[in-house]
Amino acid sequence: NSKESMILMLRTTFSWLCVPRFWEVEASCAYVLIVTAVYWVSEAVPLGAAALIPAFLYPLFGVMKSSEVAAEYFKNTTLLLMGVICVAASVEKWNLHKRIALRMVMMAGAKPGMLLLCFMCCTTVLSMWLSNTSTTAMVMPIVEAVLQELVNAEEECDVISTAGSTIIEENEPIGLNEKHDQPSLEFEPYTVLPPKPSELDLSTKYRYQSRHDHMICKCLSLSISYAATIGGLTTIIGTSTSLIFLEHFNNQYPNAEVVNFGTWFLFSFPISLIMLVLTWFWMHWLFLGCNFKETCSVSKKKKTKREEMSERRIHEEYKKLGNVSYPEMVTGFFFILMTLLWFTREPGFVPGWSSFFEKKGYRTDATVSVFLGFLLFLIPAKKPCFGKKGKGKVHTLDPIITWKDFQKTMPWEIVVLVGGGYALAAGCKTSGLSTWIGRQMLSLSSLPYWAVTLLACILVSLVTEFVSNPATITIFLPILCSMSETLLINPLYTLIPVTMCISFAVMLPVGNPPNAIVFSYGHCRIKDMVIAGLGVNLIGLAVVMVAINTWGIRLFQLNTFPEWAAISNVTSQT
């Protein structure tokens, strides 16, 4: 509500005038933190605009110098994100993502169970490298086209066999034959603004040919959002949440060289794989029943008319893409090369390529991504033909991506939001507020370490359903760091599970943009999202807790309180 937002803005703005000048610096920092959090939670102003509050309040209240605050808004992670976005812009511009998605679906066939598994796997793989929102916005039109063919094929079969077909009318879902009758696969790769649930026309009656069709539509739609979330967990650049964690952790503990692309992937990939399988079973059982043999059979003899028509539609869409183009090959090569260079920089168990240089610590994952991203602005989009000259024609060599392509895909709001989080964390550390908060957590020292982590994960899982993921992690990271140092818990034992659980905002349309995009197609109601999302939440929480207490302990040495955390604790107290 714009009126309520305006009132909240005015109240919060004028409350700044009431701050006593004799407040301790810790209290002033806490006030700035609370004001920023109020704006983030209420979204009275854009999240990026609210992230600028520390830039002027910290200097006004004497918490940090203006130059010190400004330095927090552009970090190494910003460069990492910019390099990744260059590659992502090329992937989306040349339709490499569509080719991957359609190819995987062609391999699975049109059986509901296999189709569900294939779309989830495809979405998960894409979401490892693209944003969850972009991935969902890209895959959903393909899903909608397949669902359209399934329903149309069923209708044709019913017309041929008998005139009496079972029709179920419902008020809530938006049908396939109305609003999304001709789903287009040509859409812009930049920011998607999903419609609000209140803007959807839920009063119109739509129909599905059968209840089974409706269940398939619900199942596939919701699974795309969940698979995008699972894929985002796998890589450190998969979501803004993990990027915020990485930069905050490196700033808080500069001597801790334990978290990089490789170690994060080794820890999170098994989690994503287990979650993907369990989520597939959960969604199949909830919407399609327990007859896995019938819905997952790949036998060609058992294909129905509707399945054959769906497969034909998918093949037609794939043929429209034509042969693999030169820009697609270059983009795919850069994509694979960037991943390999990330893995081999500091793999941990053997010396990486960074050990070839004399000075250590100068090269990071951002170095690789920015270098490869820069090359995409240089390499021509057309395959060079050396020795051939056109007759009187001047050929312009357009690069694979232009700055406009980059601008369309680059989420500048996230950059400023992340910078605001770094500024808040720096103020908490400089003022001593983080140390004070940590001392208040001493009452939790009687609990086992796993119980402390579990409580923190449950808390953030509830909060993130109503507050954006970046805002949630930005608020909780400084608090959890101080708590871990005070209780002498390895900070990673708390921070990594909490970072992952913050991404599990899958129960409501307002939880994250992928949820809203899926909900806008109208196949599911909020009740469906809550029931299915609760199961995914519990699966994720259980898998993350098992992971951090098994292979996570060996990978990150979580059974001891590290020296780098002790040094940071002493520094913050002094």
Protein backbone atom coordinates (compact mmCIF):
# COMPACT_ATOMS: atom_id res chain seq x y z
CA ASN A 1 0.00 0.00 0.00
CA SER A 2 1.61 3.27 -1.14
CA LYS A 3 -0.16 5.32 1.57
CA GLU A 4 1.07 3.07 4.37
CA SER A 5 4.57 3.09 2.88
CA MET A 6 4.56 6.89 2.82
CA ILE A 7 3.46 7.10 6.46
CA LEU A 8 6.15 4.61 7.48
CA MET A 9 8.75 6.57 5.53
CA LEU A 10 7.83 9.85 7.19
CA ARG A 11 7.75 8.35 10.69
CA THR A 12 11.12 6.69 10.26
CA THR A 13 12.63 9.78 8.63
CA PHE A 14 11.55 12.18 11.38
CA SER A 15 12.58 9.72 14.08
CA TRP A 16 16.19 10.38 13.06
CA LEU A 17 15.84 13.87 14.55
CA CYS A 18 15.05 12.37 17.95
CA VAL A 19 18.30 10.43 18.29
CA PRO A 20 20.17 11.76 21.35
CA ARG A 21 23.62 13.12 20.56
CA PHE A 22 25.02 11.60 23.76
CA TRP A 23 24.26 8.03 22.66
CA GLU A 24 27.15 5.61 22.71
CA VAL A 25 28.49 4.61 19.31
CA GLU A 26 27.09 1.08 19.77
CA ALA A 27 23.58 2.48 20.27
CA SER A 28 23.90 4.74 17.23
CA CYS A 29 25.01 1.78 15.11
CA ALA A 30 22.10 -0.31 16.41
CA TYR A 31 19.72 2.50 15.50
CA VAL A 32 21.05 2.63 11.92
CA LEU A 33 20.74 -1.16 11.69
CA ILE A 34 17.13 -1.08 12.91
CA VAL A 35 16.13 1.76 10.57
CA THR A 36 17.66 -0.01 7.57
CA ALA A 37 16.01 -3.29 8.54
CA VAL A 38 12.61 -1.56 8.82
CA TYR A 39 12.93 -0.20 5.30
CA TRP A 40 14.05 -3.58 3.98
CA VAL A 41 11.24 -5.50 5.64
CA SER A 42 8.51 -3.00 4.75
CA GLU A 43 9.88 -2.27 1.25
CA ALA A 44 8.64 1.31 1.66
CA VAL A 45 11.44 2.23 -0.74
CA PRO A 46 13.32 -0.05 -3.16
CA LEU A 47 15.76 -2.41 -1.46
CA GLY A 48 18.70 -0.79 -3.21
CA ALA A 49 17.66 2.66 -2.02
CA ALA A 50 17.29 1.44 1.56
CA ALA A 51 20.80 -0.01 1.36
CA LEU A 52 22.15 3.54 0.99
CA ILE A 53 20.99 4.54 4.50
CA PRO A 54 24.29 3.56 6.20
CA ALA A 55 26.16 5.71 3.66
CA PHE A 56 24.82 8.93 5.24
CA LEU A 57 23.72 7.89 8.75
CA TYR A 58 27.02 6.32 9.81
CA PRO A 59 29.00 9.53 9.12
CA LEU A 60 26.26 11.69 10.70
CA PHE A 61 26.30 9.66 13.92
CA GLY A 62 30.08 9.29 14.01
CA VAL A 63 30.12 5.53 13.53
CA MET A 64 32.35 5.47 10.43
CA LYS A 65 33.96 8.01 8.12
CA SER A 66 32.21 8.63 4.82
CA SER A 67 35.24 7.38 2.87
CA GLU A 68 35.29 4.16 4.91
CA VAL A 69 31.60 3.52 4.29
CA ALA A 70 31.96 4.21 0.57
CA ALA A 71 34.72 1.59 0.31
CA GLU A 72 32.30 -1.08 1.54
CA TYR A 73 29.94 -0.69 -1.41
CA PHE A 74 32.28 -2.17 -4.03
CA LYS A 75 34.05 -5.39 -3.16
CA ASN A 76 35.65 -8.39 -4.81
CA THR A 77 32.27 -10.12 -5.04
CA THR A 78 30.95 -7.27 -7.17
CA LEU A 79 33.61 -8.00 -9.78
CA LEU A 80 32.81 -11.71 -9.56
CA LEU A 81 29.15 -10.98 -10.22
CA MET A 82 29.94 -8.67 -13.14
CA GLY A 83 32.08 -11.32 -14.84
CA VAL A 84 29.45 -14.01 -14.36
CA ILE A 85 26.74 -11.72 -15.72
CA CYS A 86 28.78 -11.19 -18.90
CA VAL A 87 28.76 -14.94 -19.55
CA ALA A 88 25.08 -15.21 -18.53
CA ALA A 89 24.17 -12.37 -20.91
CA SER A 90 25.86 -14.24 -23.76
CA VAL A 91 24.08 -17.49 -22.83
CA GLU A 92 20.69 -15.79 -22.91
CA LYS A 93 21.36 -13.63 -25.98
CA TRP A 94 22.29 -16.59 -28.18
CA ASN A 95 19.61 -18.95 -26.78
CA LEU A 96 22.08 -21.49 -25.45
CA HIS A 97 19.87 -21.93 -22.39
CA LYS A 98 16.85 -22.83 -24.57
CA ARG A 99 18.88 -25.38 -26.50
CA ILE A 100 20.03 -27.03 -23.27
CA ALA A 101 16.51 -27.07 -21.80
CA LEU A 102 14.79 -28.46 -24.89
CA ARG A 103 17.49 -31.05 -25.47
CA MET A 104 17.14 -32.41 -21.96
CA VAL A 105 13.36 -32.60 -22.31
CA MET A 106 13.74 -34.46 -25.62
CA MET A 107 15.84 -37.05 -23.83
CA ALA A 108 13.16 -37.62 -21.17
CA GLY A 109 10.04 -38.02 -23.29
CA ALA A 110 6.48 -37.06 -22.30
CA LYS A 111 5.78 -39.43 -19.40
CA PRO A 112 4.70 -37.19 -16.49
CA GLY A 113 7.18 -38.63 -14.00
CA MET A 114 10.15 -38.49 -16.36
CA LEU A 115 9.07 -35.09 -17.67
CA LEU A 116 8.97 -33.79 -14.11
CA LEU A 117 12.42 -35.18 -13.34
CA CYS A 118 13.89 -33.84 -16.57
CA PHE A 119 12.53 -30.32 -16.14
CA MET A 120 13.76 -30.27 -12.55
CA CYS A 121 17.25 -31.43 -13.57
CA CYS A 122 17.38 -28.92 -16.41
CA THR A 123 16.25 -26.05 -14.19
CA THR A 124 18.72 -27.04 -11.49
CA VAL A 125 21.65 -27.08 -13.91
CA LEU A 126 20.75 -23.68 -15.40
CA SER A 127 20.15 -22.14 -11.98
CA MET A 128 23.68 -23.02 -10.93
CA TRP A 129 24.95 -20.29 -13.24
CA LEU A 130 22.00 -18.00 -13.95
CA SER A 131 19.85 -16.23 -11.39
CA ASN A 132 16.90 -18.18 -10.02
CA THR A 133 14.52 -15.57 -11.41
CA SER A 134 15.97 -15.65 -14.94
CA THR A 135 16.01 -19.45 -14.95
CA THR A 136 12.38 -19.70 -13.87
CA ALA A 137 11.30 -17.07 -16.38
CA MET A 138 13.12 -18.96 -19.13
CA VAL A 139 11.89 -22.47 -18.31
CA MET A 140 8.25 -21.70 -17.48
CA PRO A 141 7.20 -20.79 -21.06
CA ILE A 142 8.68 -24.10 -22.23
CA VAL A 143 6.80 -25.93 -19.48
CA GLU A 144 3.62 -24.09 -20.43
CA ALA A 145 4.01 -25.08 -24.07
CA VAL A 146 4.45 -28.74 -23.11
CA LEU A 147 1.43 -28.61 -20.79
CA GLN A 148 -0.60 -27.02 -23.56
CA GLU A 149 0.19 -29.93 -25.84
CA LEU A 150 -0.62 -32.47 -23.13
CA VAL A 151 -4.07 -30.97 -22.55
CA ASN A 152 -4.80 -30.43 -26.25
CA ALA A 153 -3.79 -33.99 -27.10
CA GLU A 154 -6.04 -35.31 -24.35
CA GLU A 155 -8.91 -33.23 -25.72
CA GLU A 156 -8.41 -34.56 -29.24
CA CYS A 157 -8.35 -38.13 -27.97
CA ASP A 158 -11.54 -37.54 -26.02
CA VAL A 159 -13.29 -36.05 -29.07
CA ILE A 160 -12.34 -39.05 -31.18
CA SER A 161 -13.23 -41.69 -28.60
CA THR A 162 -16.26 -40.21 -26.88
CA ALA A 163 -18.10 -36.95 -26.58
CA GLY A 164 -18.35 -37.21 -22.80
CA SER A 165 -15.27 -35.95 -21.07
CA THR A 166 -14.83 -35.11 -17.43
CA ILE A 167 -14.44 -31.41 -16.94
CA ILE A 168 -13.50 -29.89 -13.64
CA GLU A 169 -14.13 -26.20 -13.23
CA GLU A 170 -12.35 -24.17 -10.60
CA ASN A 171 -12.23 -20.51 -9.81
CA GLU A 172 -8.61 -20.15 -8.79
CA PRO A 173 -6.35 -21.58 -11.50
CA ILE A 174 -5.79 -19.80 -14.76
CA GLY A 175 -6.36 -22.21 -17.64
CA LEU A 176 -4.12 -23.16 -20.45
CA ASN A 177 -6.56 -22.24 -23.21
CA GLU A 178 -7.15 -18.66 -22.13
CA LYS A 179 -4.44 -16.40 -20.82
CA HIS A 180 -1.47 -18.49 -21.95
CA ASP A 181 -2.95 -19.94 -25.13
CA GLN A 182 0.14 -19.15 -27.22
CA PRO A 183 3.08 -19.22 -24.85
CA SER A 184 6.07 -17.64 -26.52
CA LEU A 185 9.60 -18.85 -26.07
CA GLU A 186 10.94 -15.45 -27.13
CA PHE A 187 11.30 -13.32 -24.03
CA GLU A 188 13.72 -10.81 -22.72
CA PRO A 189 16.53 -12.13 -20.51
CA TYR A 190 16.60 -9.20 -18.15
CA THR A 191 14.72 -8.56 -14.92
CA VAL A 192 11.27 -10.10 -14.72
CA LEU A 193 8.62 -8.32 -12.70
CA PRO A 194 6.05 -10.98 -11.84
CA PRO A 195 2.50 -9.76 -11.29
CA LYS A 196 1.17 -9.48 -7.80
CA PRO A 197 -1.35 -12.12 -6.76
CA SER A 198 -3.93 -9.38 -6.31
CA GLU A 199 -3.55 -8.41 -9.96
CA LEU A 200 -4.45 -11.86 -11.23
CA ASP A 201 -7.94 -12.37 -12.56
CA LEU A 202 -8.97 -15.23 -10.33
CA SER A 203 -12.67 -14.73 -10.78
CA THR A 204 -12.88 -16.19 -14.27
CA LYS A 205 -13.76 -19.86 -14.70
CA TYR A 206 -11.30 -22.05 -16.52
CA ARG A 207 -11.22 -25.74 -17.14
CA TYR A 208 -8.92 -28.73 -17.36
CA GLN A 209 -9.83 -31.88 -19.24
CA SER A 210 -9.41 -33.94 -16.08
CA ARG A 211 -8.24 -33.72 -12.51
CA HIS A 212 -5.11 -35.59 -13.59
CA ASP A 213 -4.29 -32.79 -16.04
CA HIS A 214 -4.71 -30.23 -13.30
CA MET A 215 -2.40 -32.16 -10.98
CA ILE A 216 0.27 -32.40 -13.68
CA CYS A 217 0.06 -28.64 -14.24
CA LYS A 218 0.40 -27.94 -10.52
CA CYS A 219 3.24 -30.39 -10.11
CA LEU A 220 5.35 -29.19 -13.02
CA SER A 221 4.82 -25.49 -12.27
CA LEU A 222 5.76 -25.66 -8.60
CA SER A 223 8.68 -27.97 -9.28
CA ILE A 224 10.34 -25.37 -11.51
CA SER A 225 10.51 -22.89 -8.64
CA TYR A 226 11.84 -25.52 -6.24
CA ALA A 227 14.42 -26.79 -8.73
CA ALA A 228 15.66 -23.23 -9.34
CA THR A 229 16.13 -22.81 -5.59
CA ILE A 230 18.00 -26.12 -5.32
CA GLY A 231 20.25 -25.24 -8.25
CA GLY A 232 21.09 -21.88 -6.73
CA LEU A 233 22.52 -23.63 -3.68
CA THR A 234 25.06 -25.60 -5.69
CA THR A 235 27.49 -22.85 -6.67
CA ILE A 236 28.75 -19.88 -4.71
CA ILE A 237 27.56 -17.59 -7.53
CA GLY A 238 24.16 -19.30 -7.81
CA THR A 239 22.30 -16.82 -5.61
CA SER A 240 22.88 -13.37 -4.18
CA THR A 241 22.51 -14.94 -0.73
CA SER A 242 25.66 -17.04 -1.08
CA LEU A 243 27.54 -14.10 -2.61
CA ILE A 244 26.64 -11.91 0.36
CA PHE A 245 27.79 -14.67 2.71
CA LEU A 246 31.10 -15.09 0.88
CA GLU A 247 32.01 -11.42 0.89
CA HIS A 248 30.94 -10.90 4.50
CA PHE A 249 32.90 -13.97 5.59
CA ASN A 250 36.04 -12.85 3.75
CA ASN A 251 35.77 -9.36 5.26
CA GLN A 252 35.11 -10.65 8.76
CA TYR A 253 37.79 -13.35 8.63
CA PRO A 254 40.47 -12.28 6.11
CA ASN A 255 42.87 -15.00 7.27
CA ALA A 256 40.37 -17.81 6.63
CA GLU A 257 41.12 -19.13 3.15
CA VAL A 258 38.69 -22.03 3.40
CA VAL A 259 35.65 -21.01 1.35
CA ASN A 260 35.97 -20.72 -2.42
CA PHE A 261 34.11 -21.95 -5.46
CA GLY A 262 35.61 -25.44 -5.22
CA THR A 263 35.03 -26.12 -1.52
CA TRP A 264 31.52 -24.71 -1.67
CA PHE A 265 30.68 -26.92 -4.64
CA LEU A 266 32.11 -30.04 -2.97
CA PHE A 267 29.92 -29.38 0.05
CA SER A 268 26.72 -28.24 -1.66
CA PHE A 269 26.58 -30.52 -4.71
CA PRO A 270 25.64 -33.64 -2.69
CA ILE A 271 23.05 -31.53 -0.85
CA SER A 272 21.49 -30.37 -4.12
CA LEU A 273 21.54 -33.89 -5.56
CA ILE A 274 19.85 -35.41 -2.50
CA MET A 275 17.33 -32.57 -2.29
CA LEU A 276 16.53 -32.89 -5.99
CA VAL A 277 15.76 -36.61 -5.70
CA LEU A 278 13.75 -36.26 -2.48
CA THR A 279 11.83 -33.25 -3.81
CA TRP A 280 11.00 -35.19 -6.97
CA PHE A 281 9.63 -38.08 -4.89
CA TRP A 282 7.70 -35.63 -2.68
CA MET A 283 6.11 -33.75 -5.59
CA HIS A 284 5.32 -36.97 -7.46
CA TRP A 285 3.66 -38.49 -4.39
CA LEU A 286 1.75 -35.30 -3.57
CA PHE A 287 0.33 -34.59 -7.04
CA LEU A 288 0.77 -37.67 -9.24
CA GLY A 289 0.40 -40.47 -6.71
CA CYS A 290 2.60 -43.46 -5.99
CA ASN A 291 2.36 -45.25 -9.34
CA PHE A 292 5.96 -44.51 -10.34
CA LYS A 293 6.09 -47.44 -12.76
CA GLU A 294 3.34 -46.01 -14.97
CA THR A 295 4.37 -42.35 -14.91
CA CYS A 296 8.10 -42.99 -15.31
CA SER A 297 8.12 -45.74 -17.96
CA VAL A 298 10.31 -44.97 -20.97
CA SER A 299 8.92 -47.76 -23.15
CA LYS A 300 7.93 -46.50 -26.60
CA LYS A 301 5.14 -49.07 -26.83
CA LYS A 302 3.28 -47.50 -23.91
CA LYS A 303 3.17 -43.94 -25.29
CA THR A 304 -0.26 -42.35 -25.57
CA LYS A 305 -1.50 -39.94 -28.22
CA ARG A 306 -0.99 -36.96 -25.96
CA GLU A 307 2.59 -37.95 -25.18
CA GLU A 308 3.44 -38.35 -28.86
CA MET A 309 2.02 -34.89 -29.65
CA SER A 310 3.93 -33.32 -26.77
CA GLU A 311 7.18 -34.84 -27.94
CA ARG A 312 6.50 -33.63 -31.48
CA ARG A 313 5.97 -30.08 -30.21
CA ILE A 314 9.24 -30.16 -28.28
CA HIS A 315 11.13 -31.42 -31.35
CA GLU A 316 9.59 -28.64 -33.45
CA GLU A 317 10.71 -25.99 -30.97
CA TYR A 318 14.21 -27.45 -30.95
CA LYS A 319 14.39 -27.46 -34.76
CA LYS A 320 13.52 -23.75 -34.78
CA LEU A 321 16.84 -23.07 -33.05
CA GLY A 322 18.72 -24.49 -36.04
CA ASN A 323 22.29 -25.75 -35.87
CA VAL A 324 24.63 -24.74 -33.08
CA SER A 325 25.92 -21.28 -33.98
CA TYR A 326 29.45 -19.92 -33.61
CA PRO A 327 28.52 -17.60 -30.68
CA GLU A 328 26.89 -20.54 -28.90
CA MET A 329 30.06 -22.59 -29.24
CA VAL A 330 32.22 -19.74 -27.93
CA THR A 331 29.84 -19.11 -25.04
CA GLY A 332 29.70 -22.79 -24.15
CA PHE A 333 33.51 -23.02 -24.27
CA PHE A 334 33.89 -19.98 -22.00
CA PHE A 335 31.25 -21.39 -19.69
CA ILE A 336 33.17 -24.67 -19.27
CA LEU A 337 36.55 -22.92 -19.11
CA MET A 338 35.41 -20.57 -16.36
CA THR A 339 34.13 -23.48 -14.30
CA LEU A 340 37.38 -25.43 -14.72
CA LEU A 341 39.51 -22.43 -13.78
CA TRP A 342 37.40 -21.86 -10.68
CA PHE A 343 37.77 -25.48 -9.62
CA THR A 344 41.51 -25.67 -10.24
CA ARG A 345 42.54 -22.33 -8.73
CA GLU A 346 42.84 -23.68 -5.18
CA PRO A 347 41.24 -27.15 -5.08
CA GLY A 348 42.66 -27.81 -1.61
CA PHE A 349 43.83 -31.42 -1.99
CA VAL A 350 46.45 -30.51 -4.67
CA PRO A 351 48.21 -27.26 -5.61
CA GLY A 352 46.14 -25.19 -8.04
CA TRP A 353 47.16 -22.96 -10.92
CA SER A 354 47.39 -19.96 -8.58
CA SER A 355 50.48 -21.60 -7.01
CA PHE A 356 52.39 -20.91 -10.26
CA PHE A 357 52.54 -17.23 -9.30
CA GLU A 358 54.97 -15.94 -6.69
CA LYS A 359 52.59 -13.65 -4.82
CA LYS A 360 49.76 -15.55 -3.17
CA GLY A 361 46.27 -14.23 -2.51
CA TYR A 362 46.25 -11.82 -5.45
CA ARG A 363 44.10 -13.94 -7.76
CA THR A 364 40.51 -14.85 -6.87
CA ASP A 365 37.47 -16.30 -8.66
CA ALA A 366 36.61 -12.74 -9.68
CA THR A 367 39.87 -12.53 -11.65
CA VAL A 368 38.79 -15.44 -13.83
CA SER A 369 35.20 -14.30 -14.39
CA VAL A 370 36.11 -10.69 -15.23
CA PHE A 371 38.87 -11.78 -17.64
CA LEU A 372 36.60 -14.16 -19.56
CA GLY A 373 33.72 -11.68 -19.45
CA PHE A 374 35.98 -8.99 -20.91
CA LEU A 375 36.96 -11.28 -23.80
CA LEU A 376 33.29 -11.64 -24.78
CA PHE A 377 33.29 -7.91 -25.62
CA LEU A 378 36.27 -8.47 -27.96
CA ILE A 379 35.48 -11.72 -29.79
CA PRO A 380 33.33 -11.12 -32.91
CA ALA A 381 29.91 -12.74 -33.12
CA LYS A 382 30.65 -14.00 -36.63
CA LYS A 383 33.29 -16.60 -37.30
CA PRO A 384 36.28 -14.77 -38.77
CA CYS A 385 37.19 -15.74 -42.34
CA PHE A 386 40.85 -14.82 -42.73
CA GLY A 387 42.05 -14.04 -46.22
CA LYS A 388 38.58 -13.33 -47.65
CA LYS A 389 37.66 -9.76 -48.50
CA GLY A 390 34.27 -8.51 -49.47
CA LYS A 391 33.88 -6.63 -52.73
CA GLY A 392 33.32 -3.01 -51.83
CA LYS A 393 31.49 -3.90 -48.61
CA VAL A 394 32.45 -2.81 -45.15
CA HIS A 395 31.65 -5.53 -42.64
CA THR A 396 31.25 -4.50 -39.02
CA LEU A 397 32.47 -7.03 -36.51
CA ASP A 398 29.87 -6.94 -33.77
CA PRO A 399 31.10 -8.59 -30.55
CA ILE A 400 29.39 -11.57 -28.95
CA ILE A 401 27.88 -9.26 -26.33
CA THR A 402 27.56 -5.49 -26.20
CA TRP A 403 27.40 -3.19 -23.21
CA LYS A 404 23.63 -2.94 -23.70
CA ASP A 405 23.33 -6.72 -23.42
CA PHE A 406 25.30 -6.57 -20.19
CA GLN A 407 23.20 -3.70 -18.84
CA LYS A 408 19.97 -5.60 -19.46
CA THR A 409 21.12 -8.55 -17.39
CA MET A 410 23.19 -6.88 -14.66
CA PRO A 411 21.21 -6.63 -11.38
CA TRP A 412 22.53 -3.30 -10.13
CA GLU A 413 20.03 -3.23 -7.27
CA ILE A 414 21.60 -6.40 -5.88
CA VAL A 415 25.06 -4.80 -6.11
CA VAL A 416 23.97 -1.80 -4.04
CA LEU A 417 22.02 -4.03 -1.66
CA VAL A 418 25.04 -6.24 -1.07
CA GLY A 419 27.18 -3.15 -0.54
CA GLY A 420 24.74 -1.86 2.06
CA GLY A 421 25.02 -5.16 3.88
CA TYR A 422 28.81 -4.89 3.94
CA ALA A 423 28.54 -1.34 5.25
CA LEU A 424 26.19 -2.42 8.06
CA ALA A 425 28.50 -5.29 9.02
CA ALA A 426 31.54 -3.01 9.02
CA GLY A 427 29.73 -0.53 11.26
CA CYS A 428 28.72 -3.27 13.69
CA LYS A 429 32.31 -4.43 13.96
CA THR A 430 33.85 -0.95 14.20
CA SER A 431 31.40 0.29 16.84
CA GLY A 432 31.61 -2.87 18.95
CA LEU A 433 27.91 -3.66 18.52
CA SER A 434 28.67 -7.15 17.23
CA THR A 435 30.70 -7.90 20.37
CA TRP A 436 27.87 -6.67 22.59
CA ILE A 437 25.33 -8.83 20.75
CA GLY A 438 27.61 -11.84 21.09
CA ARG A 439 27.77 -11.41 24.84
CA GLN A 440 23.98 -11.51 25.03
CA MET A 441 24.10 -14.94 23.38
CA LEU A 442 25.97 -16.54 26.28
CA SER A 443 22.67 -17.97 27.54
CA LEU A 444 22.79 -20.41 24.60
CA SER A 445 26.12 -21.86 25.72
CA SER A 446 24.35 -24.68 27.57
CA LEU A 447 22.86 -26.03 24.33
CA PRO A 448 24.71 -28.45 22.02
CA TYR A 449 26.30 -26.80 19.01
CA TRP A 450 23.99 -28.62 16.59
CA ALA A 451 20.95 -27.35 18.53
CA VAL A 452 22.17 -23.75 18.27
CA THR A 453 22.60 -24.13 14.51
CA LEU A 454 19.22 -25.84 14.14
CA LEU A 455 17.44 -23.05 16.02
CA ALA A 456 19.15 -20.43 13.86
CA CYS A 457 18.15 -22.29 10.67
CA ILE A 458 14.51 -22.58 11.76
CA LEU A 459 14.41 -18.89 12.68
CA VAL A 460 15.76 -17.65 9.34
CA SER A 461 13.55 -20.11 7.43
CA LEU A 462 10.49 -18.47 8.97
CA VAL A 463 11.72 -14.90 8.54
CA THR A 464 12.73 -15.32 4.90
CA GLU A 465 9.17 -16.29 3.89
CA PHE A 466 8.15 -12.67 4.49
CA VAL A 467 11.44 -10.77 4.07
CA SER A 468 13.65 -10.85 0.98
CA ASN A 469 16.56 -13.29 1.06
CA PRO A 470 19.33 -10.66 0.69
CA ALA A 471 17.82 -8.52 3.44
CA THR A 472 17.46 -11.52 5.77
CA ILE A 473 21.03 -12.70 5.43
CA THR A 474 22.39 -9.17 5.66
CA ILE A 475 20.63 -8.67 8.99
CA PHE A 476 21.55 -12.03 10.51
CA LEU A 477 25.19 -12.47 9.40
CA PRO A 478 26.80 -10.03 11.87
CA ILE A 479 24.68 -11.40 14.72
CA LEU A 480 25.56 -15.03 13.96
CA CYS A 481 29.27 -14.24 13.62
CA SER A 482 29.32 -12.63 17.05
CA MET A 483 27.30 -15.48 18.54
CA SER A 484 29.64 -18.10 17.11
CA GLU A 485 32.74 -16.32 18.38
CA THR A 486 31.24 -15.87 21.83
CA LEU A 487 30.18 -19.52 22.11
CA LEU A 488 33.52 -20.66 20.59
CA ILE A 489 31.74 -22.38 17.68
CA ASN A 490 33.42 -22.51 14.30
CA PRO A 491 31.54 -19.69 12.48
CA LEU A 492 31.16 -21.82 9.35
CA TYR A 493 29.22 -24.41 11.37
CA THR A 494 26.47 -21.81 11.79
CA LEU A 495 26.86 -19.53 8.77
CA ILE A 496 26.79 -22.14 5.98
CA PRO A 497 23.55 -23.90 7.08
CA VAL A 498 21.86 -20.56 7.75
CA THR A 499 22.89 -19.23 4.33
CA MET A 500 21.36 -22.26 2.65
CA CYS A 501 18.17 -22.24 4.73
CA ILE A 502 17.55 -18.59 3.88
CA SER A 503 17.11 -19.69 0.25
CA PHE A 504 14.23 -22.02 1.22
CA ALA A 505 11.57 -19.31 0.85
CA VAL A 506 9.27 -21.58 -1.15
CA MET A 507 5.95 -21.54 0.72
CA LEU A 508 4.42 -18.24 -0.44
CA PRO A 509 4.28 -16.28 -3.72
CA VAL A 510 5.91 -13.32 -1.95
CA GLY A 511 8.79 -15.48 -0.73
CA ASN A 512 10.91 -14.89 -3.83
CA PRO A 513 10.46 -13.90 -7.51
CA PRO A 514 10.48 -17.51 -8.87
CA ASN A 515 7.49 -18.30 -6.63
CA ALA A 516 5.63 -15.27 -7.95
CA ILE A 517 6.40 -16.15 -11.57
CA VAL A 518 5.08 -19.69 -11.12
CA PHE A 519 2.01 -18.46 -9.24
CA SER A 520 1.22 -15.96 -12.02
CA TYR A 521 0.55 -18.84 -14.43
CA GLY A 522 -2.41 -19.73 -12.25
CA HIS A 523 -2.19 -23.52 -12.08
CA CYS A 524 -1.75 -23.56 -8.30
CA ARG A 525 -3.31 -21.83 -5.33
CA ILE A 526 -1.57 -20.48 -2.24
CA LYS A 527 -2.76 -23.56 -0.36
CA ASP A 528 -0.92 -25.77 -2.86
CA MET A 529 2.25 -23.71 -2.48
CA VAL A 530 2.14 -23.86 1.31
CA ILE A 531 1.64 -27.64 1.46
CA ALA A 532 4.25 -28.46 -1.19
CA GLY A 533 6.67 -25.80 0.04
CA LEU A 534 6.49 -27.02 3.63
CA GLY A 535 7.66 -30.44 2.51
CA VAL A 536 10.53 -28.95 0.52
CA ASN A 537 11.47 -26.78 3.50
CA LEU A 538 11.63 -29.77 5.83
CA ILE A 539 13.60 -31.79 3.28
CA GLY A 540 16.11 -28.98 2.86
CA LEU A 541 16.50 -28.38 6.59
CA ALA A 542 17.08 -32.08 7.28
CA VAL A 543 19.57 -32.55 4.42
CA VAL A 544 21.56 -29.42 5.33
CA MET A 545 21.81 -30.43 9.00
CA VAL A 546 22.97 -33.93 8.05
CA ALA A 547 25.50 -32.51 5.60
CA ILE A 548 27.06 -30.00 7.98
CA ASN A 549 27.46 -32.70 10.64
CA THR A 550 29.01 -35.31 8.30
CA TRP A 551 31.10 -34.36 5.27
CA GLY A 552 30.95 -30.67 6.21
CA ILE A 553 33.00 -31.33 9.35
CA ARG A 554 35.79 -33.01 7.38
CA LEU A 555 35.75 -30.51 4.53
CA PHE A 556 35.83 -27.32 6.64
CA GLN A 557 37.39 -28.73 9.87
CA LEU A 558 34.34 -27.70 11.88
CA ASN A 559 35.15 -29.74 14.99
CA THR A 560 37.64 -27.12 16.24
CA PHE A 561 37.51 -23.38 16.89
CA PRO A 562 39.91 -21.99 14.25
CA GLU A 563 42.70 -19.50 14.84
CA TRP A 564 41.35 -17.11 12.21
CA ALA A 565 38.10 -16.79 14.18
CA ALA A 566 39.97 -16.26 17.45
CA ILE A 567 42.06 -13.49 15.87
CA SER A 568 38.93 -11.76 14.59
CA ASN A 569 37.32 -12.04 18.02
CA VAL A 570 40.31 -10.41 19.72
CA THR A 571 40.45 -7.67 17.09
CA SER A 572 36.77 -6.77 17.45
CA GLN A 573 37.06 -6.59 21.25
CA THR A 574 40.04 -4.27 21.11
